[in-house]
C-alpha atoms as a PDB file:
ATOM      1  CA  UNK A   1     -36.182 -44.893 118.209  1.00  0.00           C
ATOM      2  CA  UNK A   2     -39.415 -45.870 116.394  1.00  0.00           C
ATOM      3  CA  UNK A   3     -38.833 -46.966 112.813  1.00  0.00           C
ATOM      4  CA  UNK A   4     -42.276 -47.990 111.549  1.00  0.00           C
ATOM      5  CA  UNK A   5     -45.929 -48.287 112.541  1.00  0.00           C
ATOM      6  CA  UNK A   6     -48.763 -49.981 110.652  1.00  0.00           C
ATOM      7  CA  UNK A   7     -52.446 -50.463 111.327  1.00  0.00           C
ATOM      8  CA  UNK A   8     -53.283 -54.175 111.257  1.00  0.00           C
ATOM      9  CA  UNK A   9     -56.992 -53.792 112.074  1.00  0.00           C
ATOM     10  CA  UNK A  10     -59.225 -51.469 114.081  1.00  0.00           C
ATOM     11  CA  UNK A  11     -57.333 -50.572 117.278  1.00  0.00           C
ATOM     12  CA  UNK A  12     -54.619 -53.124 116.384  1.00  0.00           C
ATOM     13  CA  UNK A  13     -51.155 -51.913 115.342  1.00  0.00           C
ATOM     14  CA  UNK A  14     -47.658 -53.221 114.721  1.00  0.00           C
ATOM     15  CA  UNK A  15     -44.814 -50.922 115.784  1.00  0.00           C
ATOM     16  CA  UNK A  16     -41.114 -51.541 115.219  1.00  0.00           C
ATOM     17  CA  UNK A  17     -38.132 -49.866 116.849  1.00  0.00           C
ATOM     18  CA  UNK A  18     -34.397 -50.037 116.324  1.00  0.00           C
ATOM     19  CA  UNK A  19     -32.062 -50.259 119.305  1.00  0.00           C
ATOM     20  CA  UNK A  20     -28.776 -50.337 117.399  1.00  0.00           C
ATOM     21  CA  UNK A  21     -27.266 -48.074 120.027  1.00  0.00           C
ATOM     22  CA  UNK A  22     -28.245 -46.883 123.488  1.00  0.00           C
ATOM     23  CA  UNK A  23     -30.808 -44.249 122.549  1.00  0.00           C
ATOM     24  CA  UNK A  24     -31.726 -43.460 126.122  1.00  0.00           C
ATOM     25  CA  UNK A  25     -29.074 -43.202 128.849  1.00  0.00           C
ATOM     26  CA  UNK A  26     -25.379 -44.066 129.137  1.00  0.00           C
ATOM     27  CA  UNK A  27     -25.597 -47.626 130.438  1.00  0.00           C
ATOM     28  CA  UNK A  28     -22.617 -49.728 131.344  1.00  0.00           C
ATOM     29  CA  UNK A  29     -21.775 -52.520 128.912  1.00  0.00           C
ATOM     30  CA  UNK A  30     -24.135 -55.440 129.407  1.00  0.00           C
ATOM     31  CA  UNK A  31     -25.322 -58.518 127.554  1.00  0.00           C
ATOM     32  CA  UNK A  32     -28.924 -57.607 128.426  1.00  0.00           C
ATOM     33  CA  UNK A  33     -30.855 -54.413 127.790  1.00  0.00           C
ATOM     34  CA  UNK A  34     -32.440 -52.159 130.385  1.00  0.00           C
ATOM     35  CA  UNK A  35     -36.247 -52.633 130.440  1.00  0.00           C
ATOM     36  CA  UNK A  36     -36.631 -48.859 130.867  1.00  0.00           C
ATOM     37  CA  UNK A  37     -35.610 -48.575 127.211  1.00  0.00           C
ATOM     38  CA  UNK A  38     -38.598 -50.772 126.354  1.00  0.00           C
ATOM     39  CA  UNK A  39     -40.829 -48.636 128.596  1.00  0.00           C
ATOM     40  CA  UNK A  40     -39.714 -45.517 126.727  1.00  0.00           C
ATOM     41  CA  UNK A  41     -40.336 -47.260 123.395  1.00  0.00           C
ATOM     42  CA  UNK A  42     -43.881 -48.142 124.472  1.00  0.00           C
ATOM     43  CA  UNK A  43     -44.490 -44.582 125.661  1.00  0.00           C
ATOM     44  CA  UNK A  44     -43.311 -43.162 122.338  1.00  0.00           C
ATOM     45  CA  UNK A  45     -45.465 -45.675 120.461  1.00  0.00           C
ATOM     46  CA  UNK A  46     -48.568 -44.646 122.438  1.00  0.00           C
ATOM     47  CA  UNK A  47     -48.007 -40.984 121.586  1.00  0.00           C
ATOM     48  CA  UNK A  48     -47.152 -41.614 117.921  1.00  0.00           C
ATOM     49  CA  UNK A  49     -50.153 -43.865 117.296  1.00  0.00           C
ATOM     50  CA  UNK A  50     -52.488 -41.400 119.034  1.00  0.00           C
ATOM     51  CA  UNK A  51     -51.395 -38.549 116.762  1.00  0.00           C
ATOM     52  CA  UNK A  52     -51.234 -40.574 113.555  1.00  0.00           C
ATOM     53  CA  UNK A  53     -54.316 -42.792 113.786  1.00  0.00           C
ATOM     54  CA  UNK A  54     -56.647 -41.155 116.303  1.00  0.00           C
ATOM     55  CA  UNK A  55     -56.339 -37.496 115.359  1.00  0.00           C
ATOM     56  CA  UNK A  56     -54.941 -36.257 118.674  1.00  0.00           C
ATOM     57  CA  UNK A  57     -53.705 -32.712 117.933  1.00  0.00           C
ATOM     58  CA  UNK A  58     -50.052 -31.904 118.455  1.00  0.00           C
ATOM     59  CA  UNK A  59     -49.624 -29.718 121.525  1.00  0.00           C
ATOM     60  CA  UNK A  60     -52.234 -31.562 123.581  1.00  0.00           C
ATOM     61  CA  UNK A  61     -50.529 -32.898 126.746  1.00  0.00           C
ATOM     62  CA  UNK A  62     -50.436 -36.635 127.435  1.00  0.00           C
ATOM     63  CA  UNK A  63     -50.935 -37.396 131.130  1.00  0.00           C
ATOM     64  CA  UNK A  64     -49.556 -40.820 131.978  1.00  0.00           C
ATOM     65  CA  UNK A  65     -51.484 -42.983 134.458  1.00  0.00           C
ATOM     66  CA  UNK A  66     -49.538 -46.240 134.221  1.00  0.00           C
ATOM     67  CA  UNK A  67     -46.454 -47.662 132.529  1.00  0.00           C
ATOM     68  CA  UNK A  68     -45.638 -51.368 132.862  1.00  0.00           C
ATOM     69  CA  UNK A  69     -43.025 -53.725 131.432  1.00  0.00           C
ATOM     70  CA  UNK A  70     -43.196 -57.445 132.267  1.00  0.00           C
ATOM     71  CA  UNK A  71     -40.529 -59.701 130.765  1.00  0.00           C
ATOM     72  CA  UNK A  72     -40.461 -63.480 130.552  1.00  0.00           C
ATOM     73  CA  UNK A  73     -36.955 -63.381 129.080  1.00  0.00           C
ATOM     74  CA  UNK A  74     -34.300 -60.647 129.456  1.00  0.00           C
ATOM     75  CA  UNK A  75     -34.038 -58.238 126.545  1.00  0.00           C
ATOM     76  CA  UNK A  76     -30.968 -58.835 124.355  1.00  0.00           C
ATOM     77  CA  UNK A  77     -28.023 -56.466 124.598  1.00  0.00           C
ATOM     78  CA  UNK A  78     -27.492 -53.557 122.237  1.00  0.00           C
ATOM     79  CA  UNK A  79     -25.353 -54.106 119.171  1.00  0.00           C
ATOM     80  CA  UNK A  80     -24.923 -52.796 115.647  1.00  0.00           C
ATOM     81  CA  UNK A  81     -26.663 -55.865 114.183  1.00  0.00           C
ATOM     82  CA  UNK A  82     -29.441 -56.154 116.783  1.00  0.00           C
ATOM     83  CA  UNK A  83     -32.782 -57.255 115.287  1.00  0.00           C
ATOM     84  CA  UNK A  84     -35.734 -54.850 115.395  1.00  0.00           C
ATOM     85  CA  UNK A  85     -38.020 -54.723 118.406  1.00  0.00           C
ATOM     86  CA  UNK A  86     -41.674 -55.290 117.510  1.00  0.00           C
ATOM     87  CA  UNK A  87     -44.673 -54.255 119.591  1.00  0.00           C
ATOM     88  CA  UNK A  88     -47.941 -55.909 118.607  1.00  0.00           C
ATOM     89  CA  UNK A  89     -50.335 -53.442 120.179  1.00  0.00           C
ATOM     90  CA  UNK A  90     -54.034 -53.039 120.827  1.00  0.00           C
ATOM     91  CA  UNK A  91     -55.775 -49.853 121.934  1.00  0.00           C
ATOM     92  CA  UNK A  92     -58.660 -49.839 124.436  1.00  0.00           C
ATOM     93  CA  UNK A  93     -60.458 -46.514 124.880  1.00  0.00           C
ATOM     94  CA  UNK A  94     -62.814 -45.780 127.779  1.00  0.00           C
ATOM     95  CA  UNK A  95     -64.999 -42.749 128.342  1.00  0.00           C
ATOM     96  CA  UNK A  96     -66.282 -40.107 125.965  1.00  0.00           C
ATOM     97  CA  UNK A  97     -65.822 -36.460 125.114  1.00  0.00           C
ATOM     98  CA  UNK A  98     -62.994 -34.896 127.082  1.00  0.00           C
ATOM     99  CA  UNK A  99     -62.755 -37.772 129.554  1.00  0.00           C
ATOM    100  CA  UNK A 100     -61.206 -40.531 127.464  1.00  0.00           C
ATOM    101  CA  UNK A 101     -58.591 -42.775 129.024  1.00  0.00           C
ATOM    102  CA  UNK A 102     -56.668 -45.015 126.629  1.00  0.00           C
ATOM    103  CA  UNK A 103     -54.805 -48.238 127.391  1.00  0.00           C
ATOM    104  CA  UNK A 104     -52.269 -49.740 125.003  1.00  0.00           C
ATOM    105  CA  UNK A 105     -51.453 -53.400 125.551  1.00  0.00           C
ATOM    106  CA  UNK A 106     -48.412 -54.722 123.693  1.00  0.00           C
ATOM    107  CA  UNK A 107     -46.729 -58.065 123.130  1.00  0.00           C
ATOM    108  CA  UNK A 108     -42.974 -57.566 122.741  1.00  0.00           C
ATOM    109  CA  UNK A 109     -41.065 -59.527 120.112  1.00  0.00           C
ATOM    110  CA  UNK A 110     -37.355 -59.315 119.282  1.00  0.00           C
ATOM    111  CA  UNK A 111     -36.047 -61.165 116.247  1.00  0.00           C
ATOM    112  CA  UNK A 112     -39.156 -63.348 116.083  1.00  0.00           C
ATOM    113  CA  UNK A 113     -38.976 -64.345 119.743  1.00  0.00           C
ATOM    114  CA  UNK A 114     -41.668 -63.257 122.213  1.00  0.00           C
ATOM    115  CA  UNK A 115     -40.039 -61.766 125.303  1.00  0.00           C
ATOM    116  CA  UNK A 116     -42.823 -60.172 127.317  1.00  0.00           C
ATOM    117  CA  UNK A 117     -45.477 -57.478 127.521  1.00  0.00           C
ATOM    118  CA  UNK A 118     -45.801 -53.725 127.912  1.00  0.00           C
ATOM    119  CA  UNK A 119     -48.757 -51.635 128.990  1.00  0.00           C
ATOM    120  CA  UNK A 120     -49.345 -47.884 128.859  1.00  0.00           C
ATOM    121  CA  UNK A 121     -52.416 -46.050 130.167  1.00  0.00           C
ATOM    122  CA  UNK A 122     -52.933 -42.311 129.698  1.00  0.00           C
ATOM    123  CA  UNK A 123     -55.332 -39.447 129.097  1.00  0.00           C
ATOM    124  CA  UNK A 124     -54.992 -36.595 126.605  1.00  0.00           C
ATOM    125  CA  UNK A 125     -56.047 -33.155 127.807  1.00  0.00           C
ATOM    126  CA  UNK A 126     -56.723 -30.011 125.862  1.00  0.00           C
ATOM    127  CA  UNK A 127     -54.252 -27.227 126.793  1.00  0.00           C
ATOM    128  CA  UNK A 128     -56.826 -25.160 128.706  1.00  0.00           C
ATOM    129  CA  UNK A 129     -57.927 -28.052 130.897  1.00  0.00           C
ATOM    130  CA  UNK A 130     -54.301 -29.068 131.462  1.00  0.00           C
ATOM    131  CA  UNK A 131     -53.394 -25.524 132.564  1.00  0.00           C
ATOM    132  CA  UNK A 132     -56.251 -25.547 135.071  1.00  0.00           C
ATOM    133  CA  UNK A 133     -55.184 -28.937 136.409  1.00  0.00           C
ATOM    134  CA  UNK A 134     -51.595 -27.781 136.803  1.00  0.00           C
ATOM    135  CA  UNK A 135     -52.661 -24.606 138.581  1.00  0.00           C
ATOM    136  CA  UNK A 136     -54.557 -26.664 141.159  1.00  0.00           C
ATOM    137  CA  UNK A 137     -51.598 -29.013 141.603  1.00  0.00           C
ATOM    138  CA  UNK A 138     -49.125 -26.184 142.189  1.00  0.00           C
ATOM    139  CA  UNK A 139     -51.466 -24.512 144.674  1.00  0.00           C
ATOM    140  CA  UNK A 140     -51.755 -27.759 146.646  1.00  0.00           C
ATOM    141  CA  UNK A 141     -47.977 -28.220 146.946  1.00  0.00           C
ATOM    142  CA  UNK A 142     -45.981 -27.147 150.004  1.00  0.00           C
ATOM    143  CA  UNK A 143     -42.222 -26.829 150.518  1.00  0.00           C
ATOM    144  CA  UNK A 144     -40.076 -29.714 151.707  1.00  0.00           C
ATOM    145  CA  UNK A 145     -36.441 -30.102 152.744  1.00  0.00           C
ATOM    146  CA  UNK A 146     -33.542 -32.145 151.433  1.00  0.00           C
ATOM    147  CA  UNK A 147     -30.979 -33.598 153.823  1.00  0.00           C
ATOM    148  CA  UNK A 148     -27.877 -31.418 153.703  1.00  0.00           C
ATOM    149  CA  UNK A 149     -25.517 -34.403 153.608  1.00  0.00           C
ATOM    150  CA  UNK A 150     -27.259 -36.160 150.711  1.00  0.00           C
ATOM    151  CA  UNK A 151     -24.713 -37.176 148.056  1.00  0.00           C
ATOM    152  CA  UNK A 152     -25.228 -38.713 144.601  1.00  0.00           C
ATOM    153  CA  UNK A 153     -24.406 -42.382 144.218  1.00  0.00           C
ATOM    154  CA  UNK A 154     -21.551 -43.520 142.015  1.00  0.00           C
ATOM    155  CA  UNK A 155     -22.732 -44.175 138.435  1.00  0.00           C
ATOM    156  CA  UNK A 156     -21.667 -47.833 138.614  1.00  0.00           C
ATOM    157  CA  UNK A 157     -24.036 -48.383 141.566  1.00  0.00           C
ATOM    158  CA  UNK A 158     -27.030 -47.650 139.350  1.00  0.00           C
ATOM    159  CA  UNK A 159     -25.715 -49.268 136.167  1.00  0.00           C
ATOM    160  CA  UNK A 160     -24.553 -46.146 134.354  1.00  0.00           C
ATOM    161  CA  UNK A 161     -21.306 -44.660 133.101  1.00  0.00           C
ATOM    162  CA  UNK A 162     -22.019 -40.942 133.533  1.00  0.00           C
ATOM    163  CA  UNK A 163     -22.652 -38.822 136.635  1.00  0.00           C
ATOM    164  CA  UNK A 164     -25.391 -36.910 134.824  1.00  0.00           C
ATOM    165  CA  UNK A 165     -27.536 -40.077 134.618  1.00  0.00           C
ATOM    166  CA  UNK A 166     -27.515 -40.779 138.372  1.00  0.00           C
ATOM    167  CA  UNK A 167     -30.931 -39.882 139.810  1.00  0.00           C
ATOM    168  CA  UNK A 168     -30.372 -41.041 143.403  1.00  0.00           C
ATOM    169  CA  UNK A 169     -28.755 -39.100 146.249  1.00  0.00           C
ATOM    170  CA  UNK A 170     -28.217 -41.002 149.495  1.00  0.00           C
ATOM    171  CA  UNK A 171     -29.046 -39.420 152.845  1.00  0.00           C
ATOM    172  CA  UNK A 172     -26.869 -40.821 155.679  1.00  0.00           C
ATOM    173  CA  UNK A 173     -29.571 -39.896 158.186  1.00  0.00           C
ATOM    174  CA  UNK A 174     -32.091 -42.187 156.481  1.00  0.00           C
ATOM    175  CA  UNK A 175     -30.482 -45.441 155.258  1.00  0.00           C
ATOM    176  CA  UNK A 176     -32.543 -47.195 152.615  1.00  0.00           C
ATOM    177  CA  UNK A 177     -34.070 -43.929 151.395  1.00  0.00           C
ATOM    178  CA  UNK A 178     -32.936 -41.567 148.673  1.00  0.00           C
ATOM    179  CA  UNK A 179     -33.609 -38.116 147.310  1.00  0.00           C
ATOM    180  CA  UNK A 180     -34.420 -37.646 143.629  1.00  0.00           C
ATOM    181  CA  UNK A 181     -31.581 -35.891 141.816  1.00  0.00           C
ATOM    182  CA  UNK A 182     -32.722 -33.995 138.712  1.00  0.00           C
ATOM    183  CA  UNK A 183     -30.885 -31.787 136.252  1.00  0.00           C
ATOM    184  CA  UNK A 184     -33.262 -29.772 134.013  1.00  0.00           C
ATOM    185  CA  UNK A 185     -30.408 -29.585 131.491  1.00  0.00           C
ATOM    186  CA  UNK A 186     -30.310 -33.365 131.043  1.00  0.00           C
ATOM    187  CA  UNK A 187     -30.412 -33.965 127.255  1.00  0.00           C
ATOM    188  CA  UNK A 188     -32.686 -37.017 127.451  1.00  0.00           C
ATOM    189  CA  UNK A 189     -34.925 -36.710 130.513  1.00  0.00           C
ATOM    190  CA  UNK A 190     -35.568 -33.044 129.673  1.00  0.00           C
ATOM    191  CA  UNK A 191     -35.418 -33.231 125.890  1.00  0.00           C
ATOM    192  CA  UNK A 192     -38.303 -30.737 125.738  1.00  0.00           C
ATOM    193  CA  UNK A 193     -39.550 -28.044 128.167  1.00  0.00           C
ATOM    194  CA  UNK A 194     -41.644 -29.398 131.045  1.00  0.00           C
ATOM    195  CA  UNK A 195     -43.510 -27.701 133.890  1.00  0.00           C
ATOM    196  CA  UNK A 196     -43.301 -30.841 136.048  1.00  0.00           C
ATOM    197  CA  UNK A 197     -41.035 -33.788 136.807  1.00  0.00           C
ATOM    198  CA  UNK A 198     -41.076 -36.052 133.737  1.00  0.00           C
ATOM    199  CA  UNK A 199     -42.717 -39.400 134.358  1.00  0.00           C
ATOM    200  CA  UNK A 200     -39.803 -41.230 132.756  1.00  0.00           C
ATOM    201  CA  UNK A 201     -37.459 -39.667 135.321  1.00  0.00           C
ATOM    202  CA  UNK A 202     -39.453 -41.408 138.045  1.00  0.00           C
ATOM    203  CA  UNK A 203     -39.474 -44.675 136.085  1.00  0.00           C
ATOM    204  CA  UNK A 204     -35.693 -44.528 135.761  1.00  0.00           C
ATOM    205  CA  UNK A 205     -35.277 -43.587 139.434  1.00  0.00           C
ATOM    206  CA  UNK A 206     -37.309 -46.651 140.445  1.00  0.00           C
ATOM    207  CA  UNK A 207     -35.173 -48.827 138.181  1.00  0.00           C
ATOM    208  CA  UNK A 208     -32.006 -47.413 139.778  1.00  0.00           C
ATOM    209  CA  UNK A 209     -33.397 -48.115 143.254  1.00  0.00           C
ATOM    210  CA  UNK A 210     -34.047 -51.744 142.346  1.00  0.00           C
ATOM    211  CA  UNK A 211     -30.491 -52.071 141.027  1.00  0.00           C
ATOM    212  CA  UNK A 212     -28.995 -50.742 144.269  1.00  0.00           C
ATOM    213  CA  UNK A 213     -31.204 -52.947 146.441  1.00  0.00           C
ATOM    214  CA  UNK A 214     -30.384 -56.003 144.332  1.00  0.00           C
ATOM    215  CA  UNK A 215     -26.655 -55.352 144.720  1.00  0.00           C
ATOM    216  CA  UNK A 216     -27.100 -55.031 148.490  1.00  0.00           C
ATOM    217  CA  UNK A 217     -29.205 -58.177 148.876  1.00  0.00           C
ATOM    218  CA  UNK A 218     -27.462 -60.728 151.182  1.00  0.00           C
ATOM    219  CA  UNK A 219     -27.617 -63.493 148.581  1.00  0.00           C
ATOM    220  CA  UNK A 220     -26.807 -61.277 145.603  1.00  0.00           C
ATOM    221  CA  UNK A 221     -24.574 -62.846 142.986  1.00  0.00           C
ATOM    222  CA  UNK A 222     -24.354 -62.507 139.239  1.00  0.00           C
ATOM    223  CA  UNK A 223     -28.128 -61.858 139.083  1.00  0.00           C
ATOM    224  CA  UNK A 224     -27.624 -58.581 140.957  1.00  0.00           C
ATOM    225  CA  UNK A 225     -26.020 -57.179 137.825  1.00  0.00           C
ATOM    226  CA  UNK A 226     -29.121 -57.959 135.789  1.00  0.00           C
ATOM    227  CA  UNK A 227     -32.051 -55.627 135.310  1.00  0.00           C
ATOM    228  CA  UNK A 228     -35.509 -56.013 136.849  1.00  0.00           C
ATOM    229  CA  UNK A 229     -37.769 -58.478 135.075  1.00  0.00           C
ATOM    230  CA  UNK A 230     -40.917 -56.460 135.782  1.00  0.00           C
ATOM    231  CA  UNK A 231     -41.517 -52.783 136.466  1.00  0.00           C
ATOM    232  CA  UNK A 232     -45.025 -51.379 136.893  1.00  0.00           C
ATOM    233  CA  UNK A 233     -45.378 -47.681 137.695  1.00  0.00           C
ATOM    234  CA  UNK A 234     -48.613 -45.894 138.621  1.00  0.00           C
ATOM    235  CA  UNK A 235     -48.551 -42.091 138.483  1.00  0.00           C
ATOM    236  CA  UNK A 236     -50.795 -40.363 141.009  1.00  0.00           C
ATOM    237  CA  UNK A 237     -49.758 -36.662 141.140  1.00  0.00           C
ATOM    238  CA  UNK A 238     -47.716 -34.112 139.236  1.00  0.00           C
ATOM    239  CA  UNK A 239     -44.237 -33.545 140.654  1.00  0.00           C
ATOM    240  CA  UNK A 240     -43.023 -29.966 140.989  1.00  0.00           C
ATOM    241  CA  UNK A 241     -39.517 -29.167 139.767  1.00  0.00           C
ATOM    242  CA  UNK A 242     -38.618 -26.891 142.694  1.00  0.00           C
ATOM    243  CA  UNK A 243     -39.549 -29.229 145.563  1.00  0.00           C
ATOM    244  CA  UNK A 244     -37.569 -32.250 146.824  1.00  0.00           C
ATOM    245  CA  UNK A 245     -38.734 -35.804 146.223  1.00  0.00           C
ATOM    246  CA  UNK A 246     -38.113 -38.601 148.745  1.00  0.00           C
ATOM    247  CA  UNK A 247     -37.797 -42.174 147.443  1.00  0.00           C
ATOM    248  CA  UNK A 248     -38.596 -45.144 149.687  1.00  0.00           C
ATOM    249  CA  UNK A 249     -38.642 -48.937 149.352  1.00  0.00           C
ATOM    250  CA  UNK A 250     -40.323 -51.775 151.197  1.00  0.00           C
ATOM    251  CA  UNK A 251     -41.230 -55.409 150.460  1.00  0.00           C
ATOM    252  CA  UNK A 252     -44.478 -55.724 148.537  1.00  0.00           C
ATOM    253  CA  UNK A 253     -47.292 -58.014 149.621  1.00  0.00           C
ATOM    254  CA  UNK A 254     -47.736 -60.217 146.571  1.00  0.00           C
ATOM    255  CA  UNK A 255     -49.210 -63.664 147.097  1.00  0.00           C
ATOM    256  CA  UNK A 256     -48.284 -64.793 143.588  1.00  0.00           C
ATOM    257  CA  UNK A 257     -44.595 -63.855 143.805  1.00  0.00           C
ATOM    258  CA  UNK A 258     -41.650 -65.631 145.389  1.00  0.00           C
ATOM    259  CA  UNK A 259     -41.237 -64.068 148.874  1.00  0.00           C
ATOM    260  CA  UNK A 260     -39.089 -60.963 148.715  1.00  0.00           C
ATOM    261  CA  UNK A 261     -38.900 -60.874 144.915  1.00  0.00           C
ATOM    262  CA  UNK A 262     -41.193 -57.852 144.563  1.00  0.00           C
ATOM    263  CA  UNK A 263     -40.516 -54.398 145.968  1.00  0.00           C
ATOM    264  CA  UNK A 264     -42.930 -51.523 146.489  1.00  0.00           C
ATOM    265  CA  UNK A 265     -41.172 -48.245 145.703  1.00  0.00           C
ATOM    266  CA  UNK A 266     -42.626 -44.785 146.276  1.00  0.00           C
ATOM    267  CA  UNK A 267     -41.835 -41.211 145.266  1.00  0.00           C
ATOM    268  CA  UNK A 268     -43.202 -38.641 147.741  1.00  0.00           C
ATOM    269  CA  UNK A 269     -43.128 -34.852 147.569  1.00  0.00           C
ATOM    270  CA  UNK A 270     -44.401 -32.620 150.383  1.00  0.00           C
ATOM    271  CA  UNK A 271     -46.089 -35.686 151.956  1.00  0.00           C
ATOM    272  CA  UNK A 272     -47.973 -36.353 148.710  1.00  0.00           C
ATOM    273  CA  UNK A 273     -47.316 -39.461 146.626  1.00  0.00           C
ATOM    274  CA  UNK A 274     -46.256 -38.737 143.055  1.00  0.00           C
ATOM    275  CA  UNK A 275     -45.942 -42.348 141.920  1.00  0.00           C
ATOM    276  CA  UNK A 276     -45.422 -45.856 143.175  1.00  0.00           C
ATOM    277  CA  UNK A 277     -43.916 -48.908 141.503  1.00  0.00           C
ATOM    278  CA  UNK A 278     -43.937 -52.647 141.919  1.00  0.00           C
ATOM    279  CA  UNK A 279     -40.586 -54.023 140.810  1.00  0.00           C
ATOM    280  CA  UNK A 280     -39.515 -57.649 140.426  1.00  0.00           C
ATOM    281  CA  UNK A 281     -35.786 -58.413 140.336  1.00  0.00           C
ATOM    282  CA  UNK A 282     -34.156 -61.867 140.029  1.00  0.00           C
ATOM    283  CA  UNK A 283     -31.568 -61.036 142.732  1.00  0.00           C
ATOM    284  CA  UNK A 284     -34.256 -60.392 145.356  1.00  0.00           C
ATOM    285  CA  UNK A 285     -35.817 -63.861 145.482  1.00  0.00           C
ATOM    286  CA  UNK A 286     -36.057 -65.157 148.989  1.00  0.00           C
ATOM    287  CA  UNK A 287     -34.854 -61.962 150.695  1.00  0.00           C
ATOM    288  CA  UNK A 288     -38.159 -60.815 152.192  1.00  0.00           C
ATOM    289  CA  UNK A 289     -37.376 -61.596 155.814  1.00  0.00           C
ATOM    290  CA  UNK A 290     -34.010 -59.850 155.586  1.00  0.00           C
ATOM    291  CA  UNK A 291     -35.544 -56.764 153.930  1.00  0.00           C
ATOM    292  CA  UNK A 292     -38.250 -56.513 156.568  1.00  0.00           C
ATOM    293  CA  UNK A 293     -35.631 -56.621 159.281  1.00  0.00           C
ATOM    294  CA  UNK A 294     -33.754 -53.761 157.616  1.00  0.00           C
ATOM    295  CA  UNK A 295     -36.701 -51.514 156.788  1.00  0.00           C
END
């Protein structure tokens, strides 16, 4: 996905990516691009720049704290002649020794036109410290239960073509909630071995939730088929692969947003939050009162 990366100045880089085809998941045909593809590009850029310019050893785990995409203009659709995507990035490092947290702030440009911003925040751990952290996390987990009647949504409901890319299973006993559906054999979400639920799986699940809720909004029209314009995910705990994950949605309290335009989405496992997201979708403007009545 990444095609080039150059250092412009100290902690200032220019990264380019090519989206000539759908590198990520099997999306339905659309004249706009899924912002999760931009989120994945920013994540890859953060890892690549850390290894190449900051001497982070290969094999040291990256623990994501935050991943945000905020668009002023929808991303253009994928095509064979699509212009490169450019991320003008700056690194901000806090802490010292083994406790360094890095933030990468990026301005997103496509074909010379500024479209929005991306932000990634993470820590790099040495393998021994990571193993200790994971041992504590596994010990703290407790079993949960998945509703027996939960069924995966149709791919078209979440904007995809293939069943394998559907991450939501609906539970008739709990309308408006879903269970996370994961396949460890998925060629993209599990493109390398992982001892926990990949963060990008949760990002994509939140995006799919916003798509379903936008389609179901009372005033939904053509905008319901568009993607969210902002997606900000905060990761709070490791997710275990052998325990169920419940996904919930509610209106977010955001004084700066149009009422109802922002959703607060959560992923919970064994009563412990794994991540939460604030999502803004153009089809949800003005639906707050209706959502509150349904939640």
